[in-house]
C-alpha atoms as a PDB file:
ATOM      1  CA  MET A   1       0.000   0.000   0.000  1.00  0.00           C
ATOM      2  CA  ALA A   2       1.512   3.294  -1.081  1.00  0.00           C
ATOM      3  CA  ARG A   3       1.237   5.534   1.959  1.00  0.00           C
ATOM      4  CA  GLU A   4       2.629   8.896   2.832  1.00  0.00           C
ATOM      5  CA  GLN A   5       5.404   8.564   5.367  1.00  0.00           C
ATOM      6  CA  PHE A   6       4.979  10.589   8.548  1.00  0.00           C
ATOM      7  CA  GLU A   7       7.554  11.565  11.125  1.00  0.00           C
ATOM      8  CA  SER A   8       7.229   8.997  13.914  1.00  0.00           C
ATOM      9  CA  ALA A   9       7.101  11.757  16.552  1.00  0.00           C
ATOM     10  CA  ASP A  10       4.068  13.217  14.783  1.00  0.00           C
ATOM     11  CA  VAL A  11       2.057   9.954  14.698  1.00  0.00           C
ATOM     12  CA  SER A  12       0.028   9.347  17.841  1.00  0.00           C
ATOM     13  CA  ASP A  13      -2.069   6.393  16.647  1.00  0.00           C
ATOM     14  CA  VAL A  14      -2.525   4.177  13.578  1.00  0.00           C
ATOM     15  CA  LEU A  15      -5.320   1.749  12.757  1.00  0.00           C
ATOM     16  CA  ARG A  16      -5.139  -0.484   9.653  1.00  0.00           C
ATOM     17  CA  VAL A  17      -8.141  -2.286   8.198  1.00  0.00           C
ATOM     18  CA  GLU A  18      -8.546  -4.395   5.077  1.00  0.00           C
ATOM     19  CA  MET A  19     -12.079  -5.257   4.080  1.00  0.00           C
ATOM     20  CA  PRO A  20     -13.959  -6.793   1.185  1.00  0.00           C
ATOM     21  CA  ALA A  21     -15.301  -4.207  -1.237  1.00  0.00           C
ATOM     22  CA  ALA A  22     -18.922  -4.816  -0.277  1.00  0.00           C
ATOM     23  CA  HIS A  23     -21.629  -2.642   1.243  1.00  0.00           C
ATOM     24  CA  ALA A  24     -22.108  -5.173   4.058  1.00  0.00           C
ATOM     25  CA  TYR A  25     -18.735  -4.156   5.554  1.00  0.00           C
ATOM     26  CA  LEU A  26     -19.318  -0.387   5.594  1.00  0.00           C
ATOM     27  CA  PRO A  27     -20.796  -0.396   9.140  1.00  0.00           C
ATOM     28  CA  MET A  28     -17.366  -1.248  10.566  1.00  0.00           C
ATOM     29  CA  ILE A  29     -15.954   2.141   9.498  1.00  0.00           C
ATOM     30  CA  GLY A  30     -17.836   4.212  12.088  1.00  0.00           C
ATOM     31  CA  PRO A  31     -16.548   2.315  15.132  1.00  0.00           C
ATOM     32  CA  CYS A  32     -12.972   2.531  13.788  1.00  0.00           C
ATOM     33  CA  ILE A  33     -13.249   6.309  13.442  1.00  0.00           C
ATOM     34  CA  SER A  34     -14.885   6.706  16.859  1.00  0.00           C
ATOM     35  CA  CYS A  35     -12.212   4.565  18.494  1.00  0.00           C
ATOM     36  CA  ILE A  36      -9.273   6.487  17.049  1.00  0.00           C
ATOM     37  CA  LEU A  37     -10.915   9.858  17.811  1.00  0.00           C
ATOM     38  CA  ASN A  38     -11.784   8.811  21.370  1.00  0.00           C
ATOM     39  CA  ASN A  39      -8.134   7.934  21.987  1.00  0.00           C
ATOM     40  CA  ALA A  40      -6.868  11.254  20.618  1.00  0.00           C
ATOM     41  CA  PRO A  41      -5.744  13.790  23.197  1.00  0.00           C
ATOM     42  CA  SER A  42      -7.964  16.874  23.332  1.00  0.00           C
ATOM     43  CA  CYS A  43      -9.993  16.002  20.244  1.00  0.00           C
ATOM     44  CA  ALA A  44     -12.925  18.408  19.988  1.00  0.00           C
ATOM     45  CA  GLY A  45     -16.016  17.900  17.886  1.00  0.00           C
ATOM     46  CA  GLY A  46     -17.540  14.799  19.429  1.00  0.00           C
ATOM     47  CA  ASP A  47     -20.174  12.765  17.657  1.00  0.00           C
ATOM     48  CA  SER A  48     -20.756  15.239  14.821  1.00  0.00           C
ATOM     49  CA  LEU A  49     -17.066  15.224  13.911  1.00  0.00           C
ATOM     50  CA  ALA A  50     -16.970  11.421  13.911  1.00  0.00           C
ATOM     51  CA  TYR A  51     -20.175  11.295  11.861  1.00  0.00           C
ATOM     52  CA  ASN A  52     -18.846  13.730   9.221  1.00  0.00           C
ATOM     53  CA  ILE A  53     -15.599  11.802   8.806  1.00  0.00           C
ATOM     54  CA  GLU A  54     -17.522   8.519   8.664  1.00  0.00           C
ATOM     55  CA  LEU A  55     -19.828   9.911   5.984  1.00  0.00           C
ATOM     56  CA  ALA A  56     -16.879  11.028   3.847  1.00  0.00           C
ATOM     57  CA  VAL A  57     -15.114   7.649   4.196  1.00  0.00           C
ATOM     58  CA  HIS A  58     -18.397   5.842   3.431  1.00  0.00           C
ATOM     59  CA  GLU A  59     -18.772   7.900   0.263  1.00  0.00           C
ATOM     60  CA  VAL A  60     -15.269   7.006  -0.923  1.00  0.00           C
ATOM     61  CA  CYS A  61     -15.779   3.319  -0.113  1.00  0.00           C
ATOM     62  CA  THR A  62     -19.183   3.296  -1.835  1.00  0.00           C
ATOM     63  CA  ASN A  63     -17.606   4.817  -4.943  1.00  0.00           C
ATOM     64  CA  ILE A  64     -14.870   2.172  -4.839  1.00  0.00           C
ATOM     65  CA  ILE A  65     -17.452  -0.625  -4.497  1.00  0.00           C
ATOM     66  CA  GLU A  66     -19.807   0.674  -7.177  1.00  0.00           C
ATOM     67  CA  HIS A  67     -17.475   2.316  -9.683  1.00  0.00           C
ATOM     68  CA  ALA A  68     -13.917   1.015  -9.241  1.00  0.00           C
ATOM     69  CA  TYR A  69     -14.967  -2.611  -8.778  1.00  0.00           C
ATOM     70  CA  GLY A  70     -18.386  -2.338 -10.431  1.00  0.00           C
ATOM     71  CA  GLY A  71     -19.844  -4.757  -7.895  1.00  0.00           C
ATOM     72  CA  LEU A  72     -17.177  -7.390  -8.601  1.00  0.00           C
ATOM     73  CA  PRO A  73     -15.124  -8.845  -5.724  1.00  0.00           C
ATOM     74  CA  GLY A  74     -12.262  -6.699  -4.516  1.00  0.00           C
ATOM     75  CA  ARG A  75     -10.540  -5.362  -1.407  1.00  0.00           C
ATOM     76  CA  ILE A  76     -10.209  -1.949   0.202  1.00  0.00           C
ATOM     77  CA  GLN A  77      -7.258  -1.176   2.459  1.00  0.00           C
ATOM     78  CA  ILE A  78      -7.872   1.643   4.921  1.00  0.00           C
ATOM     79  CA  VAL A  79      -5.316   3.274   7.217  1.00  0.00           C
ATOM     80  CA  PHE A  80      -6.467   5.750   9.872  1.00  0.00           C
ATOM     81  CA  THR A  81      -3.537   7.837  11.156  1.00  0.00           C
ATOM     82  CA  MET A  82      -3.855  10.324  14.002  1.00  0.00           C
ATOM     83  CA  LEU A  83      -1.218  13.032  13.740  1.00  0.00           C
ATOM     84  CA  ALA A  84      -0.213  15.277  16.618  1.00  0.00           C
ATOM     85  CA  ASN A  85       1.196  18.597  15.371  1.00  0.00           C
ATOM     86  CA  PRO A  86      -1.203  19.961  14.320  1.00  0.00           C
ATOM     87  CA  GLN A  87      -3.726  17.380  15.422  1.00  0.00           C
ATOM     88  CA  ARG A  88      -5.458  15.837  12.403  1.00  0.00           C
ATOM     89  CA  LEU A  89      -6.847  12.534  11.206  1.00  0.00           C
ATOM     90  CA  VAL A  90      -5.593  11.170   7.901  1.00  0.00           C
ATOM     91  CA  VAL A  91      -7.600   8.393   6.254  1.00  0.00           C
ATOM     92  CA  GLU A  92      -5.924   6.620   3.353  1.00  0.00           C
ATOM     93  CA  MET A  93      -7.797   4.120   1.184  1.00  0.00           C
ATOM     94  CA  VAL A  94      -6.353   1.911  -1.547  1.00  0.00           C
ATOM     95  CA  ASP A  95      -8.091  -0.321  -4.077  1.00  0.00           C
ATOM     96  CA  ASN A  96      -7.153  -2.190  -7.259  1.00  0.00           C
ATOM     97  CA  GLY A  97     -10.291  -1.385  -9.246  1.00  0.00           C
ATOM     98  CA  ARG A  98     -10.819   0.835 -12.266  1.00  0.00           C
ATOM     99  CA  SER A  99      -9.445   4.359 -12.037  1.00  0.00           C
ATOM    100  CA  PHE A 100     -11.067   7.594 -13.133  1.00  0.00           C
ATOM    101  CA  GLU A 101     -10.064  11.176 -13.860  1.00  0.00           C
ATOM    102  CA  TYR A 102     -10.853  12.954 -10.587  1.00  0.00           C
ATOM    103  CA  ALA A 103     -10.558  16.457 -12.047  1.00  0.00           C
ATOM    104  CA  SER A 104     -13.058  15.644 -14.815  1.00  0.00           C
ATOM    105  CA  ILE A 105     -15.964  14.997 -12.429  1.00  0.00           C
ATOM    106  CA  PRO A 106     -18.154  18.116 -12.475  1.00  0.00           C
ATOM    107  CA  LEU A 107     -19.531  19.627  -9.294  1.00  0.00           C
ATOM    108  CA  PRO A 108     -23.281  19.158  -8.962  1.00  0.00           C
ATOM    109  CA  ASN A 109     -25.462  22.095  -9.922  1.00  0.00           C
ATOM    110  CA  PRO A 110     -27.798  22.850  -6.985  1.00  0.00           C
ATOM    111  CA  GLU A 111     -30.203  24.469  -9.461  1.00  0.00           C
ATOM    112  CA  GLU A 112     -30.757  21.118 -11.194  1.00  0.00           C
ATOM    113  CA  PRO A 113     -32.124  18.269  -9.078  1.00  0.00           C
ATOM    114  CA  GLN A 114     -30.304  14.979  -9.441  1.00  0.00           C
ATOM    115  CA  VAL A 115     -30.303  11.686  -7.581  1.00  0.00           C
ATOM    116  CA  ARG A 116     -26.616  10.840  -7.947  1.00  0.00           C
ATOM    117  CA  GLY A 117     -23.407  12.818  -8.284  1.00  0.00           C
ATOM    118  CA  TYR A 118     -23.120  14.485  -4.886  1.00  0.00           C
ATOM    119  CA  GLY A 119     -20.592  12.071  -3.354  1.00  0.00           C
ATOM    120  CA  LEU A 120     -17.339  13.767  -4.354  1.00  0.00           C
ATOM    121  CA  PHE A 121     -18.792  17.184  -3.543  1.00  0.00           C
ATOM    122  CA  LEU A 122     -19.858  15.935  -0.112  1.00  0.00           C
ATOM    123  CA  ILE A 123     -16.420  14.402   0.564  1.00  0.00           C
ATOM    124  CA  GLN A 124     -14.727  17.698  -0.315  1.00  0.00           C
ATOM    125  CA  GLU A 125     -17.112  19.664   1.904  1.00  0.00           C
ATOM    126  CA  LEU A 126     -16.698  17.389   4.930  1.00  0.00           C
ATOM    127  CA  MET A 127     -12.917  17.012   4.834  1.00  0.00           C
ATOM    128  CA  ASP A 128     -10.184  19.645   4.886  1.00  0.00           C
ATOM    129  CA  LYS A 129      -8.119  17.989   2.157  1.00  0.00           C
ATOM    130  CA  VAL A 130      -8.963  15.323  -0.421  1.00  0.00           C
ATOM    131  CA  ASP A 131      -6.418  13.734  -2.757  1.00  0.00           C
ATOM    132  CA  TYR A 132      -6.905  10.947  -5.297  1.00  0.00           C
ATOM    133  CA  HIS A 133      -4.142   9.278  -7.299  1.00  0.00           C
ATOM    134  CA  SER A 134      -4.109   6.366  -9.677  1.00  0.00           C
ATOM    135  CA  ASN A 135      -1.190   4.384 -11.050  1.00  0.00           C
ATOM    136  CA  SER A 136      -0.436   0.864 -12.258  1.00  0.00           C
ATOM    137  CA  SER A 137      -0.581  -0.534  -8.702  1.00  0.00           C
ATOM    138  CA  GLY A 138      -4.076   0.833  -7.971  1.00  0.00           C
ATOM    139  CA  ASN A 139      -6.030   3.821  -6.751  1.00  0.00           C
ATOM    140  CA  SER A 140      -5.352   5.745  -3.570  1.00  0.00           C
ATOM    141  CA  TRP A 141      -7.405   8.270  -1.651  1.00  0.00           C
ATOM    142  CA  ARG A 142      -6.124  10.506   1.126  1.00  0.00           C
ATOM    143  CA  LEU A 143      -8.633  12.391   3.277  1.00  0.00           C
ATOM    144  CA  VAL A 144      -7.456  14.819   5.964  1.00  0.00           C
ATOM    145  CA  LYS A 145      -9.556  16.315   8.766  1.00  0.00           C
ATOM    146  CA  ASN A 146      -7.970  18.982  10.956  1.00  0.00           C
ATOM    147  CA  LEU A 147      -9.010  18.469  14.581  1.00  0.00           C
ATOM    148  CA  THR A 148      -7.682  21.653  16.211  1.00  0.00           C
END
């Protein structure tokens, strides 16, 4: 898994999860986020912060399941890293499904009702930083939420 390397003094906690790319496994994401946030020193925001991060991670995982793998079997690797200075949660997700051109996805037009197409917009609104990269070894997402 291609991950950004952090200074060891900056990392206060790391949680690694690998799950099947299936909707049935999405409920395990919330408890992972709550656990790592609950163990963070002086983490403000409570349940709403955990919920917003969970929603963003769910959206990425749902896109991986539905678009990258197209419902076919696959795996999603997730690494939750709590960083200390400044305090922030980094969530990295990797899959081996189909890639896409992130910059080519248009933002939804609030003037035109639509059923789908709000996921990437929602992820960007909920998180402080969103990065997506694709190469021959797979796709990687990096979501960052500042906690201070």
